[in-house]
Amino acid sequence: MTSLHHFCLKALLATAPAMVVHAADIPLYPTGPAEDSSYVRFVNLTEGQIALQASGSKTSLALTPARPDSGFLPVAADKPVKGQLIRGNQKSDIDVVVKAGEFATVLGISAGPAALSTQVVRESPDDFNALKSSLAFYNVAADCKQAGLKAAGRDVSIFKDVAAGQVMRRLINPVAMSVQLVCGGKATGEPLDLGTLAAGQRYSIFAAPSTKGIRLSAATDTVR
C-alpha cells in the first residue's frame, strides 16, 4: 500500500490515545465543510474489538465496543486513504477516496464468525438547523429489506425503505427518544435508547448483522 503522506490520518493515529481521551466533541455544522475539506471516520460494528492500521504507519487505533468510532478525521480531498481493519488474524483492506465536501464512513462489519468486511457509506451534509437534531440511519444489514426506524412503542415512522448499503438523514425535534428497527414491515431486535438528543447536533444510527441477528447501534457525529 502507498504511504499516507497525502493525508493527515497517519499523524492523527500517532497521537490517537491522547486524542480519544481528551478531544472535545464538536458538532458537524451543515453549512457544510469548506470546499477543500473532506472527512473520514471508522466505525466498528462488530461485537468485539478491531484495530485500524494506517498504511505506512506502525501505529494502530483500537475501536472497542465501548468506543467503537474514530470520529470524523480530516483528510485531503481526492487522495487515497489506505489501511486495514484488523480483528485477530482477520483483515479487511481500506482503500477509499473522499471527495471535497464529503463525509465518508468506513464500517467494519462481521461477515460471519471467521470473516471481517468493510463497507463505505458517504454523505454530503447540508441540513443544519440550530433548533433541530440531525439523525441519520445507515442500513448495512443485507438481510434487512425495506429497512426503517420507528419511535419505540409508537406507530410513528422516522425512516422508511432504506436499502442495504444506503444512508438517509432527516431533522427531528431534540427530544428523548428510543427507536425500533423495522425490516420488511416487522419490528426486529431490541429497541435502542438514544437518550435526549441535543439541538444542533448530528447523530448516526447503524443497523448491522451480529451473532444474535440484526442489531442497532448509534454514534454522535463529531470531528476531531
Protein backbone atom coordinates (compact mmCIF):
# COMPACT_ATOMS: atom_id res chain seq x y z
CA MET A 1 0.00 0.00 0.00
CA THR A 2 1.08 3.55 -0.58
CA SER A 3 2.10 5.95 2.17
CA LEU A 4 -0.38 8.18 3.98
CA HIS A 5 1.78 11.16 3.00
CA HIS A 6 -1.19 12.71 1.18
CA PHE A 7 -3.45 12.98 4.21
CA CYS A 8 -3.19 13.53 7.93
CA LEU A 9 -4.58 10.24 9.29
CA LYS A 10 -1.08 8.90 9.96
CA ALA A 11 -0.27 11.86 12.21
CA LEU A 12 -3.65 11.59 13.91
CA LEU A 13 -3.13 7.90 14.61
CA ALA A 14 0.26 8.63 16.13
CA THR A 15 -1.48 10.78 18.74
CA ALA A 16 -4.70 8.77 18.89
CA PRO A 17 -4.60 7.61 22.56
CA ALA A 18 -4.48 11.18 23.86
CA MET A 19 -6.88 12.38 21.21
CA VAL A 20 -9.51 9.78 22.01
CA VAL A 21 -9.44 10.61 25.70
CA HIS A 22 -9.14 14.38 25.60
CA ALA A 23 -10.60 15.65 22.31
CA ALA A 24 -13.74 17.76 22.66
CA ASP A 25 -16.79 16.69 20.69
CA ILE A 26 -17.59 19.28 18.03
CA PRO A 27 -20.90 19.17 16.14
CA LEU A 28 -20.77 18.97 12.36
CA TYR A 29 -22.37 22.13 11.08
CA PRO A 30 -24.21 21.61 7.84
CA THR A 31 -23.45 24.84 6.25
CA GLY A 32 -21.11 22.04 5.26
CA PRO A 33 -17.34 21.82 5.30
CA ALA A 34 -15.04 24.16 3.42
CA GLU A 35 -14.86 23.40 -0.28
CA ASP A 36 -11.48 21.69 0.02
CA SER A 37 -12.25 19.82 3.26
CA SER A 38 -13.11 16.14 3.43
CA TYR A 39 -13.60 13.80 6.35
CA VAL A 40 -13.49 10.07 7.01
CA ARG A 41 -14.46 8.11 10.11
CA PHE A 42 -14.10 4.46 11.04
CA VAL A 43 -16.84 2.61 12.92
CA ASN A 44 -16.65 -0.85 14.49
CA LEU A 45 -19.99 -2.60 14.02
CA THR A 46 -18.72 -5.99 15.19
CA GLU A 47 -19.26 -7.30 18.71
CA GLY A 48 -15.58 -7.29 19.65
CA GLN A 49 -12.52 -5.09 19.29
CA ILE A 50 -10.94 -4.25 15.96
CA ALA A 51 -7.88 -2.16 15.14
CA LEU A 52 -7.41 0.49 12.48
CA GLN A 53 -3.97 0.23 10.89
CA ALA A 54 -2.99 3.07 8.58
CA SER A 55 -0.83 2.21 5.59
CA GLY A 56 2.75 3.35 6.07
CA SER A 57 2.40 3.64 9.87
CA LYS A 58 3.23 1.24 12.70
CA THR A 59 0.63 2.89 14.94
CA SER A 60 -2.90 1.50 15.20
CA LEU A 61 -6.11 2.85 16.69
CA ALA A 62 -8.32 0.48 18.71
CA LEU A 63 -12.06 0.59 18.03
CA THR A 64 -13.66 -1.09 21.03
CA PRO A 65 -17.27 -1.88 21.98
CA ALA A 66 -17.03 0.99 24.49
CA ARG A 67 -15.53 3.40 21.93
CA PRO A 68 -16.46 1.97 18.52
CA ASP A 69 -15.93 5.02 16.29
CA SER A 70 -12.98 7.27 15.49
CA GLY A 71 -14.95 10.43 14.93
CA PHE A 72 -14.55 12.23 11.60
CA LEU A 73 -10.89 12.79 10.73
CA PRO A 74 -9.91 15.50 8.21
CA VAL A 75 -8.24 14.15 5.06
CA ALA A 76 -7.12 15.61 1.75
CA ALA A 77 -9.83 15.55 -0.90
CA ASP A 78 -9.50 13.17 -3.85
CA LYS A 79 -6.48 11.37 -2.36
CA PRO A 80 -6.50 7.64 -1.44
CA VAL A 81 -6.99 6.72 2.21
CA LYS A 82 -5.48 3.27 2.67
CA GLY A 83 -5.00 0.84 5.53
CA GLN A 84 -6.61 -2.17 7.15
CA LEU A 85 -9.18 -3.05 9.77
CA ILE A 86 -7.89 -5.98 11.83
CA ARG A 87 -9.67 -8.42 14.17
CA GLY A 88 -7.35 -11.12 15.44
CA ASN A 89 -5.95 -12.75 12.30
CA GLN A 90 -8.77 -11.38 10.16
CA LYS A 91 -8.03 -8.36 7.98
CA SER A 92 -10.05 -6.19 5.62
CA ASP A 93 -8.38 -3.65 3.35
CA ILE A 94 -9.33 0.04 3.26
CA ASP A 95 -8.94 1.99 0.03
CA VAL A 96 -11.26 4.98 -0.18
CA VAL A 97 -11.12 8.36 -1.92
CA VAL A 98 -13.16 11.12 -0.29
CA LYS A 99 -14.45 13.96 -2.46
CA ALA A 100 -14.31 17.61 -1.47
CA GLY A 101 -17.13 18.43 0.95
CA GLU A 102 -17.85 14.76 1.57
CA PHE A 103 -18.11 12.82 4.84
CA ALA A 104 -17.26 9.14 4.31
CA THR A 105 -17.85 6.45 6.92
CA VAL A 106 -15.85 3.20 6.74
CA LEU A 107 -17.73 0.46 8.58
CA GLY A 108 -16.15 -2.71 9.95
CA ILE A 109 -18.75 -5.49 9.75
CA SER A 110 -18.76 -9.16 10.76
CA ALA A 111 -19.15 -11.32 7.67
CA GLY A 112 -19.68 -14.49 9.70
CA PRO A 113 -17.54 -15.72 12.63
CA ALA A 114 -14.40 -16.09 10.51
CA ALA A 115 -14.53 -13.03 8.30
CA LEU A 116 -14.37 -9.25 8.58
CA SER A 117 -15.54 -6.92 5.82
CA THR A 118 -15.67 -3.18 5.24
CA GLN A 119 -18.32 -1.01 3.69
CA VAL A 120 -18.13 2.68 2.79
CA VAL A 121 -21.16 4.97 3.07
CA ARG A 122 -20.95 8.63 2.01
CA GLU A 123 -22.78 11.85 2.92
CA SER A 124 -22.58 15.49 1.88
CA PRO A 125 -24.45 17.14 4.77
CA ASP A 126 -26.31 20.39 4.15
CA ASP A 127 -29.22 20.30 6.58
CA PHE A 128 -28.06 22.24 9.65
CA ASN A 129 -30.74 23.75 11.88
CA ALA A 130 -29.74 25.10 15.29
CA LEU A 131 -33.19 24.24 16.68
CA LYS A 132 -33.29 20.65 15.43
CA SER A 133 -31.30 17.42 15.78
CA SER A 134 -29.96 15.76 12.63
CA LEU A 135 -30.42 11.97 12.60
CA ALA A 136 -29.01 9.56 10.01
CA PHE A 137 -29.93 5.91 9.52
CA TYR A 138 -27.31 3.63 7.94
CA ASN A 139 -28.60 0.25 6.76
CA VAL A 140 -25.62 -2.10 6.43
CA ALA A 141 -27.60 -5.30 7.07
CA ALA A 142 -28.15 -7.05 3.74
CA ASP A 143 -30.92 -9.17 5.28
CA CYS A 144 -32.95 -6.15 6.38
CA LYS A 145 -35.21 -5.38 3.44
CA GLN A 146 -37.18 -2.14 3.30
CA ALA A 147 -35.38 -1.07 6.46
CA GLY A 148 -36.85 1.62 8.65
CA LEU A 149 -36.91 3.10 12.13
CA LYS A 150 -39.93 3.80 14.30
CA ALA A 151 -40.26 5.50 17.64
CA ALA A 152 -40.18 2.60 20.10
CA GLY A 153 -43.64 1.70 21.40
CA ARG A 154 -45.36 4.01 18.92
CA ASP A 155 -46.54 3.63 15.35
CA VAL A 156 -44.53 6.67 14.22
CA SER A 157 -42.07 6.15 11.37
CA ILE A 158 -38.81 8.07 11.39
CA PHE A 159 -37.28 6.39 8.33
CA LYS A 160 -38.78 4.11 5.68
CA ASP A 161 -37.46 1.94 2.83
CA VAL A 162 -33.72 2.44 3.32
CA ALA A 163 -31.97 -0.03 1.05
CA ALA A 164 -28.95 -2.07 2.18
CA GLY A 165 -25.76 -0.03 1.86
CA GLN A 166 -27.63 3.28 1.90
CA VAL A 167 -28.00 6.15 4.37
CA MET A 168 -30.89 8.54 4.92
CA ARG A 169 -30.81 11.68 7.10
CA ARG A 170 -33.51 13.99 8.44
CA LEU A 171 -34.08 16.71 11.01
CA ILE A 172 -36.13 15.90 14.11
CA ASN A 173 -37.10 17.66 17.31
CA PRO A 174 -34.46 17.45 20.09
CA VAL A 175 -36.31 15.13 22.48
CA ALA A 176 -35.66 11.94 24.46
CA MET A 177 -36.03 9.06 22.03
CA SER A 178 -35.87 5.29 21.71
CA VAL A 179 -36.00 3.72 18.26
CA GLN A 180 -37.11 0.34 16.92
CA LEU A 181 -35.65 -1.27 13.79
CA VAL A 182 -38.19 -2.40 11.20
CA CYS A 183 -37.33 -4.90 8.43
CA GLY A 184 -39.94 -5.70 5.81
CA GLY A 185 -42.62 -4.03 7.92
CA LYS A 186 -41.83 -6.09 11.05
CA ALA A 187 -40.15 -4.96 14.27
CA THR A 188 -36.69 -6.57 14.51
CA GLY A 189 -34.40 -6.87 17.53
CA GLU A 190 -34.41 -4.75 20.66
CA PRO A 191 -35.17 -1.00 20.77
CA LEU A 192 -32.23 1.36 21.10
CA ASP A 193 -32.36 4.19 23.65
CA LEU A 194 -30.74 7.32 22.22
CA GLY A 195 -31.21 9.40 25.35
CA THR A 196 -32.08 13.07 24.92
CA LEU A 197 -30.97 14.46 21.57
CA ALA A 198 -29.36 17.90 21.51
CA ALA A 199 -30.41 20.77 19.26
CA GLY A 200 -27.86 21.49 16.54
CA GLN A 201 -26.14 18.11 16.96
CA ARG A 202 -25.79 15.23 14.48
CA TYR A 203 -26.29 11.55 15.20
CA SER A 204 -25.98 8.29 13.28
CA ILE A 205 -27.81 5.00 13.83
CA PHE A 206 -26.49 1.80 12.26
CA ALA A 207 -28.34 -1.45 11.51
CA ALA A 208 -25.74 -4.22 11.18
CA PRO A 209 -25.54 -8.02 11.40
CA SER A 210 -24.49 -9.73 14.64
CA THR A 211 -24.41 -13.24 16.10
CA LYS A 212 -27.86 -12.56 17.59
CA GLY A 213 -29.39 -11.13 14.44
CA ILE A 214 -29.55 -7.59 13.17
CA ARG A 215 -28.83 -5.01 15.87
CA LEU A 216 -28.85 -1.25 16.21
CA SER A 217 -26.01 0.92 17.46
CA ALA A 218 -25.52 4.68 17.50
CA ALA A 219 -22.81 7.33 17.39
CA THR A 220 -22.68 11.09 17.85
CA ASP A 221 -21.18 12.67 14.74
CA THR A 222 -18.09 14.59 15.76
CA VAL A 223 -14.99 15.93 14.02
CA ARG A 224 -11.53 15.53 15.54
